[in-house]
């Protein structure tokens, strides 16, 4: 699978449908899983990635409080989504509310998933991250990246 990448801004219609850019649609496939992500965004996983994620989640110890919390967050909000003939996806209302999506969504590709952000939240996150990029890069260097 090719890496998902790029940043795209699209309108969300009155029914809660977001047009996915062709590049993102190609990476996600016609059917994918949307769920609550981290940092107040939505995660969109291609089926194969979701199945791998699900397998890793099953292996987590149910006795670990953090594991239970994380699995609950991601799986309780998960929804199988389908792209319609116009390249749109209906984002369920609870997911739109979680990510505070209004009339626009910002779709970004992040390697093995796409994320959907409220544009204002993305701008804040990106500004904070860019201002700390040197420190982040230094910490990531310790991880071999």
C-alpha atoms as a PDB file:
ATOM      1  CA  UNK A   1       0.000   0.000   0.000  1.00  0.00           C
ATOM      2  CA  UNK A   2       1.267   3.449  -0.875  1.00  0.00           C
ATOM      3  CA  UNK A   3       1.676   5.922   1.958  1.00  0.00           C
ATOM      4  CA  UNK A   4      -1.132   8.367   2.568  1.00  0.00           C
ATOM      5  CA  UNK A   5       0.090  11.957   2.481  1.00  0.00           C
ATOM      6  CA  UNK A   6      -0.977  15.502   1.778  1.00  0.00           C
ATOM      7  CA  UNK A   7      -3.340  18.083   3.231  1.00  0.00           C
ATOM      8  CA  UNK A   8      -6.754  18.872   1.739  1.00  0.00           C
ATOM      9  CA  UNK A   9      -9.590  21.156   2.824  1.00  0.00           C
ATOM     10  CA  UNK A  10     -13.161  20.246   1.850  1.00  0.00           C
ATOM     11  CA  UNK A  11     -16.688  21.306   2.721  1.00  0.00           C
ATOM     12  CA  UNK A  12     -18.955  19.145   4.860  1.00  0.00           C
ATOM     13  CA  UNK A  13     -22.532  19.237   3.600  1.00  0.00           C
ATOM     14  CA  UNK A  14     -25.729  19.457   5.667  1.00  0.00           C
ATOM     15  CA  UNK A  15     -25.971  15.658   5.798  1.00  0.00           C
ATOM     16  CA  UNK A  16     -22.473  15.307   7.258  1.00  0.00           C
ATOM     17  CA  UNK A  17     -20.785  14.136   4.051  1.00  0.00           C
ATOM     18  CA  UNK A  18     -17.171  15.027   3.369  1.00  0.00           C
ATOM     19  CA  UNK A  19     -15.596  14.736  -0.071  1.00  0.00           C
ATOM     20  CA  UNK A  20     -12.392  12.738   0.124  1.00  0.00           C
ATOM     21  CA  UNK A  21      -9.594  13.732  -2.243  1.00  0.00           C
ATOM     22  CA  UNK A  22      -8.862  11.078  -4.887  1.00  0.00           C
ATOM     23  CA  UNK A  23      -5.374  10.474  -3.502  1.00  0.00           C
ATOM     24  CA  UNK A  24      -6.795   9.737  -0.041  1.00  0.00           C
ATOM     25  CA  UNK A  25      -9.700   7.662  -1.433  1.00  0.00           C
ATOM     26  CA  UNK A  26      -7.245   5.516  -3.381  1.00  0.00           C
ATOM     27  CA  UNK A  27      -5.263   4.827  -0.207  1.00  0.00           C
ATOM     28  CA  UNK A  28      -8.273   4.126   2.002  1.00  0.00           C
ATOM     29  CA  UNK A  29     -10.326   2.081  -0.450  1.00  0.00           C
ATOM     30  CA  UNK A  30     -14.099   2.146  -0.935  1.00  0.00           C
ATOM     31  CA  UNK A  31     -14.752   0.767   2.558  1.00  0.00           C
ATOM     32  CA  UNK A  32     -12.702   1.850   5.568  1.00  0.00           C
ATOM     33  CA  UNK A  33     -13.032   2.427   9.316  1.00  0.00           C
ATOM     34  CA  UNK A  34     -13.418   5.861  10.923  1.00  0.00           C
ATOM     35  CA  UNK A  35     -12.940   6.297  14.649  1.00  0.00           C
ATOM     36  CA  UNK A  36     -12.054   8.808  17.345  1.00  0.00           C
ATOM     37  CA  UNK A  37      -8.408   9.670  17.026  1.00  0.00           C
ATOM     38  CA  UNK A  38      -5.965  11.405  19.286  1.00  0.00           C
ATOM     39  CA  UNK A  39      -5.597  15.173  19.600  1.00  0.00           C
ATOM     40  CA  UNK A  40      -9.312  15.713  18.781  1.00  0.00           C
ATOM     41  CA  UNK A  41      -9.195  14.435  15.208  1.00  0.00           C
ATOM     42  CA  UNK A  42     -10.686  11.416  13.464  1.00  0.00           C
ATOM     43  CA  UNK A  43      -8.610   8.472  12.273  1.00  0.00           C
ATOM     44  CA  UNK A  44      -9.547   6.822   8.967  1.00  0.00           C
ATOM     45  CA  UNK A  45      -7.998   3.362   8.525  1.00  0.00           C
ATOM     46  CA  UNK A  46      -7.972   1.211   5.388  1.00  0.00           C
ATOM     47  CA  UNK A  47      -9.557  -2.198   6.128  1.00  0.00           C
ATOM     48  CA  UNK A  48      -6.226  -4.052   6.191  1.00  0.00           C
ATOM     49  CA  UNK A  49      -4.679  -1.523   8.593  1.00  0.00           C
ATOM     50  CA  UNK A  50      -7.737  -1.669  10.851  1.00  0.00           C
ATOM     51  CA  UNK A  51      -7.600  -5.465  10.942  1.00  0.00           C
ATOM     52  CA  UNK A  52      -3.917  -5.321  11.949  1.00  0.00           C
ATOM     53  CA  UNK A  53      -4.712  -2.719  14.595  1.00  0.00           C
ATOM     54  CA  UNK A  54      -7.571  -4.878  15.858  1.00  0.00           C
ATOM     55  CA  UNK A  55      -5.282  -7.896  16.166  1.00  0.00           C
ATOM     56  CA  UNK A  56      -2.745  -5.883  18.183  1.00  0.00           C
ATOM     57  CA  UNK A  57      -5.537  -4.524  20.406  1.00  0.00           C
ATOM     58  CA  UNK A  58      -6.782  -8.060  21.113  1.00  0.00           C
ATOM     59  CA  UNK A  59      -3.300  -8.956  22.350  1.00  0.00           C
ATOM     60  CA  UNK A  60      -3.266  -6.165  24.945  1.00  0.00           C
ATOM     61  CA  UNK A  61      -3.815  -7.294  28.528  1.00  0.00           C
ATOM     62  CA  UNK A  62      -7.353  -6.580  29.724  1.00  0.00           C
ATOM     63  CA  UNK A  63      -5.848  -6.107  33.187  1.00  0.00           C
ATOM     64  CA  UNK A  64      -3.977  -2.983  32.051  1.00  0.00           C
ATOM     65  CA  UNK A  65      -6.053   0.151  32.746  1.00  0.00           C
ATOM     66  CA  UNK A  66      -4.421   2.230  29.949  1.00  0.00           C
ATOM     67  CA  UNK A  67      -4.944  -0.563  27.417  1.00  0.00           C
ATOM     68  CA  UNK A  68      -8.624  -0.843  28.344  1.00  0.00           C
ATOM     69  CA  UNK A  69      -9.111   2.919  28.103  1.00  0.00           C
ATOM     70  CA  UNK A  70      -7.404   3.225  24.718  1.00  0.00           C
ATOM     71  CA  UNK A  71      -9.224   0.261  23.206  1.00  0.00           C
ATOM     72  CA  UNK A  72     -12.550   1.572  24.510  1.00  0.00           C
ATOM     73  CA  UNK A  73     -11.951   5.004  23.012  1.00  0.00           C
ATOM     74  CA  UNK A  74     -11.053   3.717  19.567  1.00  0.00           C
ATOM     75  CA  UNK A  75     -13.496   0.828  19.244  1.00  0.00           C
ATOM     76  CA  UNK A  76     -16.572   2.382  20.841  1.00  0.00           C
ATOM     77  CA  UNK A  77     -16.502   5.194  18.312  1.00  0.00           C
ATOM     78  CA  UNK A  78     -15.536   3.094  15.291  1.00  0.00           C
ATOM     79  CA  UNK A  79     -17.758   3.010  12.244  1.00  0.00           C
ATOM     80  CA  UNK A  80     -17.403   1.286   8.886  1.00  0.00           C
ATOM     81  CA  UNK A  81     -17.653   3.932   6.169  1.00  0.00           C
ATOM     82  CA  UNK A  82     -18.268   3.689   2.431  1.00  0.00           C
ATOM     83  CA  UNK A  83     -17.335   6.157  -0.265  1.00  0.00           C
ATOM     84  CA  UNK A  84     -20.295   7.076  -2.484  1.00  0.00           C
ATOM     85  CA  UNK A  85     -20.246   7.563  -6.266  1.00  0.00           C
ATOM     86  CA  UNK A  86     -19.343  11.263  -5.839  1.00  0.00           C
ATOM     87  CA  UNK A  87     -16.320  10.456  -3.640  1.00  0.00           C
ATOM     88  CA  UNK A  88     -18.032  11.515  -0.409  1.00  0.00           C
ATOM     89  CA  UNK A  89     -18.155   9.765   2.926  1.00  0.00           C
ATOM     90  CA  UNK A  90     -20.845  10.195   5.559  1.00  0.00           C
ATOM     91  CA  UNK A  91     -19.107  10.868   8.858  1.00  0.00           C
ATOM     92  CA  UNK A  92     -21.380   9.731  11.716  1.00  0.00           C
ATOM     93  CA  UNK A  93     -22.684  12.569  13.901  1.00  0.00           C
ATOM     94  CA  UNK A  94     -20.918  11.370  17.094  1.00  0.00           C
ATOM     95  CA  UNK A  95     -17.574  11.405  15.260  1.00  0.00           C
ATOM     96  CA  UNK A  96     -18.234  14.867  13.798  1.00  0.00           C
ATOM     97  CA  UNK A  97     -19.102  16.105  17.291  1.00  0.00           C
ATOM     98  CA  UNK A  98     -15.973  14.528  18.810  1.00  0.00           C
ATOM     99  CA  UNK A  99     -13.722  16.284  16.274  1.00  0.00           C
ATOM    100  CA  UNK A 100     -15.795  19.499  16.466  1.00  0.00           C
ATOM    101  CA  UNK A 101     -16.310  19.480  12.700  1.00  0.00           C
ATOM    102  CA  UNK A 102     -18.506  22.186  11.267  1.00  0.00           C
ATOM    103  CA  UNK A 103     -18.875  23.183   7.627  1.00  0.00           C
ATOM    104  CA  UNK A 104     -15.316  22.203   6.668  1.00  0.00           C
ATOM    105  CA  UNK A 105     -12.936  19.350   7.306  1.00  0.00           C
ATOM    106  CA  UNK A 106      -9.222  19.219   6.767  1.00  0.00           C
ATOM    107  CA  UNK A 107      -8.072  15.788   5.588  1.00  0.00           C
ATOM    108  CA  UNK A 108      -4.433  14.853   6.007  1.00  0.00           C
ATOM    109  CA  UNK A 109      -2.588  11.709   5.005  1.00  0.00           C
ATOM    110  CA  UNK A 110      -0.420  10.189   7.738  1.00  0.00           C
ATOM    111  CA  UNK A 111       1.393   7.128   6.333  1.00  0.00           C
ATOM    112  CA  UNK A 112      -1.041   4.276   7.064  1.00  0.00           C
ATOM    113  CA  UNK A 113      -4.141   6.340   7.874  1.00  0.00           C
ATOM    114  CA  UNK A 114      -5.874   9.598   7.083  1.00  0.00           C
ATOM    115  CA  UNK A 115      -7.010  12.072   9.705  1.00  0.00           C
ATOM    116  CA  UNK A 116      -9.892  14.541   9.608  1.00  0.00           C
ATOM    117  CA  UNK A 117      -9.498  17.751  11.588  1.00  0.00           C
ATOM    118  CA  UNK A 118     -11.536  20.854  12.201  1.00  0.00           C
ATOM    119  CA  UNK A 119      -9.421  23.416  10.282  1.00  0.00           C
ATOM    120  CA  UNK A 120      -8.980  25.677  13.318  1.00  0.00           C
ATOM    121  CA  UNK A 121      -7.843  22.756  15.502  1.00  0.00           C
ATOM    122  CA  UNK A 122      -5.353  21.652  12.831  1.00  0.00           C
ATOM    123  CA  UNK A 123      -3.904  25.152  12.541  1.00  0.00           C
ATOM    124  CA  UNK A 124      -3.404  25.345  16.323  1.00  0.00           C
ATOM    125  CA  UNK A 125      -1.889  21.865  16.460  1.00  0.00           C
ATOM    126  CA  UNK A 126       0.390  22.511  13.490  1.00  0.00           C
ATOM    127  CA  UNK A 127       1.607  25.855  14.887  1.00  0.00           C
ATOM    128  CA  UNK A 128       2.376  24.302  18.277  1.00  0.00           C
ATOM    129  CA  UNK A 129       4.134  21.348  16.683  1.00  0.00           C
ATOM    130  CA  UNK A 130       6.147  23.462  14.247  1.00  0.00           C
ATOM    131  CA  UNK A 131       7.359  25.716  17.059  1.00  0.00           C
ATOM    132  CA  UNK A 132       8.602  22.653  18.951  1.00  0.00           C
ATOM    133  CA  UNK A 133       9.878  20.762  15.882  1.00  0.00           C
ATOM    134  CA  UNK A 134      13.544  20.904  16.910  1.00  0.00           C
ATOM    135  CA  UNK A 135      12.832  19.376  20.308  1.00  0.00           C
ATOM    136  CA  UNK A 136      10.516  16.772  18.789  1.00  0.00           C
ATOM    137  CA  UNK A 137      13.133  15.806  16.183  1.00  0.00           C
ATOM    138  CA  UNK A 138      15.741  15.454  18.907  1.00  0.00           C
ATOM    139  CA  UNK A 139      13.492  13.149  20.954  1.00  0.00           C
ATOM    140  CA  UNK A 140      12.586  11.160  17.842  1.00  0.00           C
ATOM    141  CA  UNK A 141      16.284  10.725  17.055  1.00  0.00           C
ATOM    142  CA  UNK A 142      16.505   8.671  20.205  1.00  0.00           C
ATOM    143  CA  UNK A 143      13.889   6.364  18.635  1.00  0.00           C
ATOM    144  CA  UNK A 144      15.941   5.869  15.498  1.00  0.00           C
ATOM    145  CA  UNK A 145      13.949   8.158  13.193  1.00  0.00           C
END
